[in-house]
N, C-alpha and C. Protein backbone atom coordinates (compact mmCIF):
# COMPACT_ATOMS: atom_id res chain seq x y z
N UNK A 1 35.49 14.91 -23.13
CA UNK A 1 35.09 15.45 -21.85
C UNK A 1 35.12 14.37 -20.79
N UNK A 2 35.59 14.68 -19.63
CA UNK A 2 35.73 13.69 -18.56
C UNK A 2 34.41 13.42 -17.84
N UNK A 3 33.47 14.31 -17.89
CA UNK A 3 32.23 14.14 -17.13
C UNK A 3 31.32 13.07 -17.75
N UNK A 4 31.38 12.86 -19.06
CA UNK A 4 30.50 11.90 -19.70
C UNK A 4 30.64 10.49 -19.16
N UNK A 5 31.85 9.95 -18.90
CA UNK A 5 31.92 8.60 -18.34
C UNK A 5 31.31 8.51 -16.95
N UNK A 6 31.23 9.61 -16.23
CA UNK A 6 30.67 9.60 -14.88
C UNK A 6 29.16 9.78 -14.88
N UNK A 7 28.58 10.17 -16.00
CA UNK A 7 27.16 10.44 -16.06
C UNK A 7 26.29 9.20 -15.81
N UNK A 8 26.53 8.04 -16.44
CA UNK A 8 25.66 6.88 -16.17
C UNK A 8 25.61 6.47 -14.70
N UNK A 9 26.75 6.39 -13.99
CA UNK A 9 26.63 6.04 -12.56
C UNK A 9 25.85 7.10 -11.77
N UNK A 10 26.01 8.35 -12.11
CA UNK A 10 25.27 9.41 -11.42
C UNK A 10 23.78 9.26 -11.66
N UNK A 11 23.40 8.99 -12.89
CA UNK A 11 21.99 8.78 -13.21
C UNK A 11 21.46 7.58 -12.46
N UNK A 12 22.24 6.50 -12.40
CA UNK A 12 21.81 5.29 -11.68
C UNK A 12 21.57 5.60 -10.21
N UNK A 13 22.45 6.37 -9.59
CA UNK A 13 22.28 6.74 -8.18
C UNK A 13 21.00 7.54 -8.00
N UNK A 14 20.75 8.48 -8.89
CA UNK A 14 19.54 9.29 -8.78
C UNK A 14 18.28 8.44 -8.97
N UNK A 15 18.33 7.50 -9.90
CA UNK A 15 17.18 6.62 -10.12
C UNK A 15 16.94 5.76 -8.90
N UNK A 16 17.99 5.19 -8.34
CA UNK A 16 17.85 4.35 -7.16
C UNK A 16 17.30 5.16 -6.00
N UNK A 17 17.80 6.36 -5.84
CA UNK A 17 17.31 7.20 -4.75
C UNK A 17 15.83 7.50 -4.92
N UNK A 18 15.41 7.75 -6.15
CA UNK A 18 13.99 8.03 -6.35
C UNK A 18 13.16 6.77 -6.23
N UNK A 19 13.69 5.62 -6.62
CA UNK A 19 12.95 4.36 -6.49
C UNK A 19 12.81 3.95 -5.04
N UNK A 20 13.79 4.23 -4.25
CA UNK A 20 13.80 3.72 -2.89
C UNK A 20 12.88 4.48 -1.94
N UNK A 21 12.17 5.49 -2.44
CA UNK A 21 11.21 6.15 -1.57
C UNK A 21 9.95 5.34 -1.39
N UNK A 22 9.79 4.29 -2.19
CA UNK A 22 8.73 3.30 -2.04
C UNK A 22 7.32 3.86 -1.98
N UNK A 23 6.92 4.63 -2.98
CA UNK A 23 5.54 5.07 -2.97
C UNK A 23 4.62 3.88 -3.15
N UNK A 24 3.45 3.98 -2.57
CA UNK A 24 2.48 2.92 -2.77
C UNK A 24 1.37 3.42 -3.64
N UNK A 25 0.44 2.54 -3.92
CA UNK A 25 -0.64 2.92 -4.80
C UNK A 25 -1.95 2.87 -4.06
N UNK A 26 -2.88 3.62 -4.54
CA UNK A 26 -4.23 3.57 -4.01
C UNK A 26 -5.06 2.62 -4.85
N UNK A 27 -6.36 2.61 -4.65
CA UNK A 27 -7.23 1.73 -5.40
C UNK A 27 -7.24 2.04 -6.89
N UNK A 28 -6.86 3.24 -7.27
CA UNK A 28 -6.88 3.63 -8.66
C UNK A 28 -5.69 3.08 -9.41
N UNK A 29 -4.68 2.56 -8.70
CA UNK A 29 -3.48 2.05 -9.35
C UNK A 29 -2.48 3.13 -9.67
N UNK A 30 -2.75 4.37 -9.30
CA UNK A 30 -1.81 5.44 -9.55
C UNK A 30 -0.87 5.56 -8.37
N UNK A 31 0.32 6.04 -8.63
CA UNK A 31 1.31 6.18 -7.57
C UNK A 31 1.02 7.42 -6.78
N UNK A 32 1.01 7.27 -5.48
CA UNK A 32 0.79 8.39 -4.58
C UNK A 32 2.15 8.91 -4.14
N UNK A 33 2.48 10.16 -4.43
CA UNK A 33 3.82 10.66 -4.16
C UNK A 33 4.18 10.78 -2.70
N UNK A 34 3.22 10.81 -1.81
CA UNK A 34 3.54 11.04 -0.41
C UNK A 34 3.72 9.75 0.38
N UNK A 35 3.64 8.61 -0.25
CA UNK A 35 3.65 7.36 0.49
C UNK A 35 5.03 6.97 0.96
N UNK A 36 6.08 7.54 0.42
CA UNK A 36 7.42 7.24 0.87
C UNK A 36 7.58 7.55 2.36
N UNK A 37 6.70 8.37 2.87
CA UNK A 37 6.70 8.71 4.29
C UNK A 37 5.68 7.88 5.04
N UNK A 38 5.40 6.68 4.54
CA UNK A 38 4.36 5.80 5.08
C UNK A 38 4.60 5.43 6.52
N UNK A 39 4.29 4.20 6.87
CA UNK A 39 4.36 3.73 8.24
C UNK A 39 5.76 3.88 8.81
N UNK A 40 5.85 4.23 10.07
CA UNK A 40 7.17 4.32 10.69
C UNK A 40 7.87 2.98 10.61
N UNK A 41 9.20 3.03 10.56
CA UNK A 41 9.98 1.81 10.41
C UNK A 41 9.73 0.81 11.52
N UNK A 42 9.40 1.26 12.71
CA UNK A 42 9.22 0.33 13.82
C UNK A 42 7.76 -0.07 14.02
N UNK A 43 6.85 0.42 13.15
CA UNK A 43 5.44 0.04 13.27
C UNK A 43 5.28 -1.41 12.83
N UNK A 44 4.40 -2.15 13.48
CA UNK A 44 4.20 -3.54 13.07
C UNK A 44 3.57 -3.60 11.69
N UNK A 45 3.94 -4.62 10.93
CA UNK A 45 3.34 -4.82 9.62
C UNK A 45 1.89 -5.22 9.79
N UNK A 46 1.07 -4.89 8.83
CA UNK A 46 -0.33 -5.30 8.89
C UNK A 46 -0.40 -6.81 8.94
N UNK A 47 -1.44 -7.32 9.58
CA UNK A 47 -1.62 -8.76 9.64
C UNK A 47 -1.91 -9.28 8.24
N UNK A 48 -1.10 -10.14 7.76
CA UNK A 48 -1.24 -10.73 6.43
C UNK A 48 -0.94 -12.21 6.55
N UNK A 49 -1.49 -12.96 5.65
CA UNK A 49 -1.13 -14.36 5.56
C UNK A 49 0.24 -14.40 4.93
N UNK A 50 1.22 -14.92 5.64
CA UNK A 50 2.55 -14.99 5.07
C UNK A 50 2.64 -16.14 4.09
N UNK A 51 3.07 -15.84 2.93
CA UNK A 51 3.41 -16.86 1.96
C UNK A 51 4.91 -17.01 2.13
N UNK A 52 5.32 -18.12 2.70
CA UNK A 52 6.69 -18.20 3.18
C UNK A 52 7.72 -18.61 2.15
N UNK A 53 7.32 -19.21 1.05
CA UNK A 53 8.32 -19.69 0.11
C UNK A 53 8.01 -19.21 -1.30
N UNK A 54 9.04 -18.72 -1.94
CA UNK A 54 8.96 -18.22 -3.30
C UNK A 54 9.08 -19.40 -4.26
N UNK A 55 8.23 -19.50 -5.27
CA UNK A 55 8.40 -20.56 -6.26
C UNK A 55 9.75 -20.40 -6.96
N UNK A 56 10.59 -21.43 -6.88
CA UNK A 56 11.97 -21.34 -7.37
C UNK A 56 12.03 -21.01 -8.86
N UNK A 57 11.18 -21.62 -9.66
CA UNK A 57 11.20 -21.33 -11.10
C UNK A 57 10.86 -19.88 -11.37
N UNK A 58 9.95 -19.34 -10.59
CA UNK A 58 9.56 -17.95 -10.76
C UNK A 58 10.71 -17.02 -10.37
N UNK A 59 11.39 -17.35 -9.29
CA UNK A 59 12.54 -16.54 -8.88
C UNK A 59 13.64 -16.59 -9.93
N UNK A 60 13.82 -17.74 -10.56
CA UNK A 60 14.82 -17.86 -11.62
C UNK A 60 14.43 -17.02 -12.83
N UNK A 61 13.16 -17.06 -13.20
CA UNK A 61 12.69 -16.19 -14.29
C UNK A 61 12.89 -14.72 -13.92
N UNK A 62 12.65 -14.40 -12.64
CA UNK A 62 12.83 -13.04 -12.17
C UNK A 62 14.28 -12.59 -12.25
N UNK A 63 15.19 -13.50 -11.91
CA UNK A 63 16.61 -13.16 -12.03
C UNK A 63 16.97 -12.89 -13.49
N UNK A 64 16.49 -13.75 -14.38
CA UNK A 64 16.76 -13.56 -15.81
C UNK A 64 16.17 -12.24 -16.30
N UNK A 65 14.95 -11.92 -15.88
CA UNK A 65 14.31 -10.66 -16.27
C UNK A 65 15.07 -9.47 -15.70
N UNK A 66 15.52 -9.60 -14.45
CA UNK A 66 16.30 -8.54 -13.81
C UNK A 66 17.58 -8.28 -14.61
N UNK A 67 18.27 -9.36 -14.97
CA UNK A 67 19.51 -9.22 -15.74
C UNK A 67 19.25 -8.58 -17.09
N UNK A 68 18.13 -8.93 -17.72
CA UNK A 68 17.82 -8.40 -19.04
C UNK A 68 17.28 -6.97 -19.00
N UNK A 69 16.52 -6.62 -17.97
CA UNK A 69 15.80 -5.36 -17.98
C UNK A 69 16.26 -4.33 -16.95
N UNK A 70 16.96 -4.75 -15.93
CA UNK A 70 17.23 -3.85 -14.80
C UNK A 70 18.70 -3.50 -14.60
N UNK A 71 19.60 -4.37 -15.01
CA UNK A 71 21.01 -4.17 -14.66
C UNK A 71 21.67 -3.00 -15.37
N UNK A 72 21.02 -2.45 -16.39
CA UNK A 72 21.59 -1.26 -17.01
C UNK A 72 21.63 -0.10 -16.02
N UNK A 73 20.71 -0.12 -15.06
CA UNK A 73 20.62 0.97 -14.08
C UNK A 73 20.80 0.51 -12.63
N UNK A 74 20.59 -0.77 -12.36
CA UNK A 74 20.57 -1.25 -10.98
C UNK A 74 21.49 -2.46 -10.78
N UNK A 75 22.03 -2.56 -9.58
CA UNK A 75 22.74 -3.75 -9.13
C UNK A 75 21.81 -4.48 -8.16
N UNK A 76 21.86 -5.80 -8.17
CA UNK A 76 20.96 -6.56 -7.30
C UNK A 76 21.16 -6.22 -5.83
N UNK A 77 22.37 -5.82 -5.44
CA UNK A 77 22.65 -5.48 -4.05
C UNK A 77 21.83 -4.30 -3.53
N UNK A 78 21.34 -3.47 -4.44
CA UNK A 78 20.52 -2.33 -4.03
C UNK A 78 19.21 -2.77 -3.41
N UNK A 79 18.81 -4.00 -3.68
CA UNK A 79 17.51 -4.49 -3.26
C UNK A 79 17.60 -5.48 -2.11
N UNK A 80 18.76 -5.51 -1.46
CA UNK A 80 18.91 -6.40 -0.31
C UNK A 80 19.75 -5.78 0.80
N UNK A 81 20.00 -4.49 0.70
CA UNK A 81 20.77 -3.85 1.76
C UNK A 81 19.86 -3.43 2.92
N UNK A 82 20.44 -2.97 3.99
CA UNK A 82 19.65 -2.65 5.19
C UNK A 82 18.67 -1.50 4.94
N UNK A 83 19.03 -0.54 4.12
CA UNK A 83 18.10 0.58 3.84
C UNK A 83 16.87 0.06 3.10
N UNK A 84 17.07 -0.81 2.15
CA UNK A 84 15.94 -1.40 1.42
C UNK A 84 15.05 -2.17 2.38
N UNK A 85 15.64 -2.98 3.23
CA UNK A 85 14.87 -3.80 4.17
C UNK A 85 14.05 -2.94 5.13
N UNK A 86 14.67 -1.90 5.67
CA UNK A 86 13.94 -1.01 6.58
C UNK A 86 12.77 -0.35 5.87
N UNK A 87 13.00 0.09 4.66
CA UNK A 87 11.99 0.82 3.91
C UNK A 87 10.78 -0.05 3.57
N UNK A 88 11.00 -1.34 3.34
CA UNK A 88 9.93 -2.21 2.86
C UNK A 88 9.36 -3.16 3.90
N UNK A 89 9.92 -3.26 5.07
CA UNK A 89 9.51 -4.27 6.05
C UNK A 89 8.06 -4.15 6.52
N UNK A 90 7.45 -3.00 6.38
CA UNK A 90 6.07 -2.81 6.82
C UNK A 90 5.08 -2.82 5.65
N UNK A 91 5.49 -3.40 4.56
CA UNK A 91 4.66 -3.40 3.36
C UNK A 91 4.48 -4.82 2.85
N UNK A 92 3.86 -4.91 1.69
CA UNK A 92 3.64 -6.22 1.08
C UNK A 92 4.41 -6.30 -0.23
N UNK A 93 4.50 -7.51 -0.73
CA UNK A 93 5.12 -7.71 -2.04
C UNK A 93 4.32 -7.02 -3.14
N UNK A 94 3.01 -6.87 -2.93
CA UNK A 94 2.20 -6.15 -3.92
C UNK A 94 2.61 -4.68 -3.98
N UNK A 95 2.93 -4.10 -2.84
CA UNK A 95 3.40 -2.71 -2.84
C UNK A 95 4.67 -2.58 -3.68
N UNK A 96 5.58 -3.52 -3.50
CA UNK A 96 6.83 -3.52 -4.27
C UNK A 96 6.53 -3.71 -5.75
N UNK A 97 5.63 -4.62 -6.06
CA UNK A 97 5.23 -4.86 -7.45
C UNK A 97 4.67 -3.57 -8.07
N UNK A 98 3.76 -2.92 -7.37
CA UNK A 98 3.10 -1.73 -7.93
C UNK A 98 4.11 -0.60 -8.18
N UNK A 99 5.02 -0.41 -7.26
CA UNK A 99 6.04 0.61 -7.47
C UNK A 99 6.91 0.25 -8.67
N UNK A 100 7.35 -0.98 -8.71
CA UNK A 100 8.23 -1.42 -9.80
C UNK A 100 7.53 -1.29 -11.14
N UNK A 101 6.32 -1.80 -11.24
CA UNK A 101 5.59 -1.75 -12.52
C UNK A 101 5.29 -0.32 -12.95
N UNK A 102 4.97 0.54 -12.00
CA UNK A 102 4.57 1.90 -12.37
C UNK A 102 5.74 2.83 -12.65
N UNK A 103 6.95 2.42 -12.29
CA UNK A 103 8.10 3.32 -12.47
C UNK A 103 9.25 2.74 -13.28
N UNK A 104 9.22 1.44 -13.57
CA UNK A 104 10.36 0.81 -14.22
C UNK A 104 9.93 0.06 -15.48
N UNK A 105 10.81 -0.04 -16.44
CA UNK A 105 12.05 0.72 -16.53
C UNK A 105 11.74 2.21 -16.66
N UNK A 106 12.69 3.00 -16.24
CA UNK A 106 12.47 4.43 -16.15
C UNK A 106 12.01 5.04 -17.48
N UNK A 107 12.56 4.55 -18.58
CA UNK A 107 12.20 5.12 -19.88
C UNK A 107 10.94 4.51 -20.48
N UNK A 108 10.38 3.48 -19.83
CA UNK A 108 9.16 2.85 -20.35
C UNK A 108 8.41 2.14 -19.22
N UNK A 109 7.92 2.90 -18.22
CA UNK A 109 7.22 2.27 -17.10
C UNK A 109 6.07 1.38 -17.56
N UNK A 110 5.87 0.30 -16.83
CA UNK A 110 4.78 -0.63 -17.08
C UNK A 110 4.83 -1.26 -18.47
N UNK A 111 6.04 -1.37 -19.02
CA UNK A 111 6.18 -1.93 -20.37
C UNK A 111 6.39 -3.43 -20.39
N UNK A 112 6.68 -4.02 -19.25
CA UNK A 112 6.83 -5.47 -19.18
C UNK A 112 5.48 -6.10 -18.87
N UNK A 113 5.30 -7.35 -19.23
CA UNK A 113 4.05 -8.01 -18.85
C UNK A 113 3.95 -8.11 -17.33
N UNK A 114 2.73 -8.05 -16.77
CA UNK A 114 2.59 -8.11 -15.31
C UNK A 114 3.31 -9.31 -14.69
N UNK A 115 3.25 -10.46 -15.33
CA UNK A 115 3.91 -11.64 -14.75
C UNK A 115 5.42 -11.47 -14.68
N UNK A 116 6.01 -10.66 -15.56
CA UNK A 116 7.45 -10.44 -15.50
C UNK A 116 7.79 -9.60 -14.28
N UNK A 117 6.97 -8.61 -13.96
CA UNK A 117 7.20 -7.83 -12.75
C UNK A 117 7.03 -8.71 -11.51
N UNK A 118 6.06 -9.60 -11.52
CA UNK A 118 5.88 -10.53 -10.40
C UNK A 118 7.13 -11.40 -10.26
N UNK A 119 7.67 -11.87 -11.37
CA UNK A 119 8.89 -12.68 -11.34
C UNK A 119 10.05 -11.90 -10.72
N UNK A 120 10.18 -10.63 -11.10
CA UNK A 120 11.26 -9.80 -10.56
C UNK A 120 11.09 -9.60 -9.06
N UNK A 121 9.87 -9.39 -8.60
CA UNK A 121 9.62 -9.27 -7.17
C UNK A 121 9.99 -10.57 -6.46
N UNK A 122 9.64 -11.71 -7.05
CA UNK A 122 10.01 -13.01 -6.46
C UNK A 122 11.53 -13.11 -6.33
N UNK A 123 12.25 -12.70 -7.34
CA UNK A 123 13.71 -12.72 -7.30
C UNK A 123 14.23 -11.80 -6.19
N UNK A 124 13.68 -10.61 -6.09
CA UNK A 124 14.13 -9.67 -5.05
C UNK A 124 13.90 -10.27 -3.66
N UNK A 125 12.80 -10.98 -3.48
CA UNK A 125 12.55 -11.60 -2.18
C UNK A 125 13.59 -12.67 -1.87
N UNK A 126 14.01 -13.44 -2.87
CA UNK A 126 15.05 -14.44 -2.60
C UNK A 126 16.37 -13.77 -2.26
N UNK A 127 16.62 -12.60 -2.84
CA UNK A 127 17.84 -11.86 -2.47
C UNK A 127 17.83 -11.48 -1.00
N UNK A 128 16.63 -11.39 -0.44
CA UNK A 128 16.46 -10.97 0.95
C UNK A 128 16.20 -12.13 1.90
N UNK A 129 16.52 -13.34 1.48
CA UNK A 129 16.45 -14.48 2.37
C UNK A 129 15.15 -15.24 2.38
N UNK A 130 14.18 -14.85 1.56
CA UNK A 130 12.97 -15.65 1.47
C UNK A 130 13.34 -17.00 0.86
N UNK A 131 12.84 -18.06 1.45
CA UNK A 131 13.12 -19.40 0.96
C UNK A 131 12.45 -19.60 -0.40
N UNK A 132 13.11 -20.36 -1.26
CA UNK A 132 12.48 -20.73 -2.52
C UNK A 132 12.27 -22.24 -2.53
N UNK A 133 11.19 -22.67 -3.16
CA UNK A 133 10.87 -24.09 -3.21
C UNK A 133 10.59 -24.50 -4.65
N UNK A 134 11.04 -25.69 -5.00
CA UNK A 134 10.76 -26.24 -6.31
C UNK A 134 9.31 -26.68 -6.38
N UNK A 135 8.70 -26.50 -7.53
CA UNK A 135 7.35 -27.01 -7.75
C UNK A 135 6.23 -26.17 -7.16
N UNK A 136 6.56 -25.04 -6.58
CA UNK A 136 5.50 -24.20 -6.03
C UNK A 136 4.67 -23.56 -7.13
N UNK A 137 3.42 -23.29 -6.83
CA UNK A 137 2.55 -22.63 -7.80
C UNK A 137 3.02 -21.20 -8.01
N UNK A 138 3.12 -20.78 -9.25
CA UNK A 138 3.58 -19.43 -9.57
C UNK A 138 2.66 -18.39 -8.94
N UNK A 139 3.27 -17.35 -8.44
CA UNK A 139 2.52 -16.25 -7.86
C UNK A 139 1.93 -15.39 -8.97
N UNK A 140 0.87 -14.67 -8.62
CA UNK A 140 0.31 -13.65 -9.49
C UNK A 140 0.11 -12.40 -8.64
N UNK A 141 -0.40 -11.34 -9.24
CA UNK A 141 -0.53 -10.08 -8.51
C UNK A 141 -1.40 -10.21 -7.27
N UNK A 142 -2.58 -10.85 -7.31
CA UNK A 142 -3.37 -10.95 -6.09
C UNK A 142 -2.65 -11.70 -4.95
N UNK A 143 -1.84 -12.68 -5.29
CA UNK A 143 -1.10 -13.41 -4.25
C UNK A 143 -0.11 -12.49 -3.56
N UNK A 144 0.46 -11.55 -4.30
CA UNK A 144 1.47 -10.66 -3.72
C UNK A 144 0.94 -9.86 -2.54
N UNK A 145 -0.35 -9.58 -2.54
CA UNK A 145 -0.94 -8.84 -1.42
C UNK A 145 -0.91 -9.68 -0.14
N UNK A 146 -0.77 -10.98 -0.28
CA UNK A 146 -0.72 -11.88 0.87
C UNK A 146 0.71 -12.12 1.36
N UNK A 147 1.68 -11.55 0.67
CA UNK A 147 3.08 -11.75 1.03
C UNK A 147 3.57 -10.56 1.84
N UNK A 148 3.66 -10.75 3.13
CA UNK A 148 4.16 -9.72 4.03
C UNK A 148 5.67 -9.61 3.88
N UNK A 149 6.16 -8.39 3.87
CA UNK A 149 7.60 -8.18 3.84
C UNK A 149 8.17 -7.97 5.23
N UNK A 150 7.37 -8.29 6.25
CA UNK A 150 7.82 -8.18 7.64
C UNK A 150 9.10 -8.97 7.91
N UNK A 151 9.32 -10.13 7.26
CA UNK A 151 10.58 -10.85 7.52
C UNK A 151 11.83 -10.04 7.18
N UNK A 152 11.68 -8.99 6.39
CA UNK A 152 12.85 -8.16 6.05
C UNK A 152 13.42 -7.51 7.30
N UNK A 153 12.60 -7.32 8.32
CA UNK A 153 13.06 -6.70 9.56
C UNK A 153 14.12 -7.55 10.24
N UNK A 154 14.02 -8.86 10.09
CA UNK A 154 14.96 -9.77 10.74
C UNK A 154 16.12 -10.19 9.87
N UNK A 155 16.16 -9.69 8.64
CA UNK A 155 17.23 -10.10 7.72
C UNK A 155 18.51 -9.38 8.00
C-alpha cells in the first residue's frame, strides 16, 4: 500500500500542530486545554528576571536528549521558526518545560527525568539565539520560571 510510507510524516505534522498550541499549566500541574489562546502575540511579556545565558553543558545534554528522544517525531527547526517564536514570546521557559514534560514523548508523557526536560528546553533556547556560556550553573525547574521568552520576539 502506498499510504503507509506517508503515515509517519502525517502523524508528525499532527503531533507538531497539537504541540504548538502551547497550553500552560495551572498550580495543579495539569495542562489547561484553553491556554493555547493565551496572551495576544503583541502583549508585553510579564516582568521576569531574564536569565540571559544558557549553561552550555546543559544545552549540549539537551541536544543529545533531543536527538535520542524527540527526532523520531520532530525536527529541531520546528522549535525555532517564526510561528514557534510568536507563540512562545509572551511566556517563560517553565511554560515550555511544563508543556513538553506533560505531553512528550507522545506515547509516554512525563517519562523522562525532570532534568532531561530542562536540558531539552535549554537546547531549544539555544536554537532560538539564546547565548550559551561555559561553566554556568545548571538550570532546574524553578529557574525556568525566571527565564522570559520575550527575546523570541526579536529573533
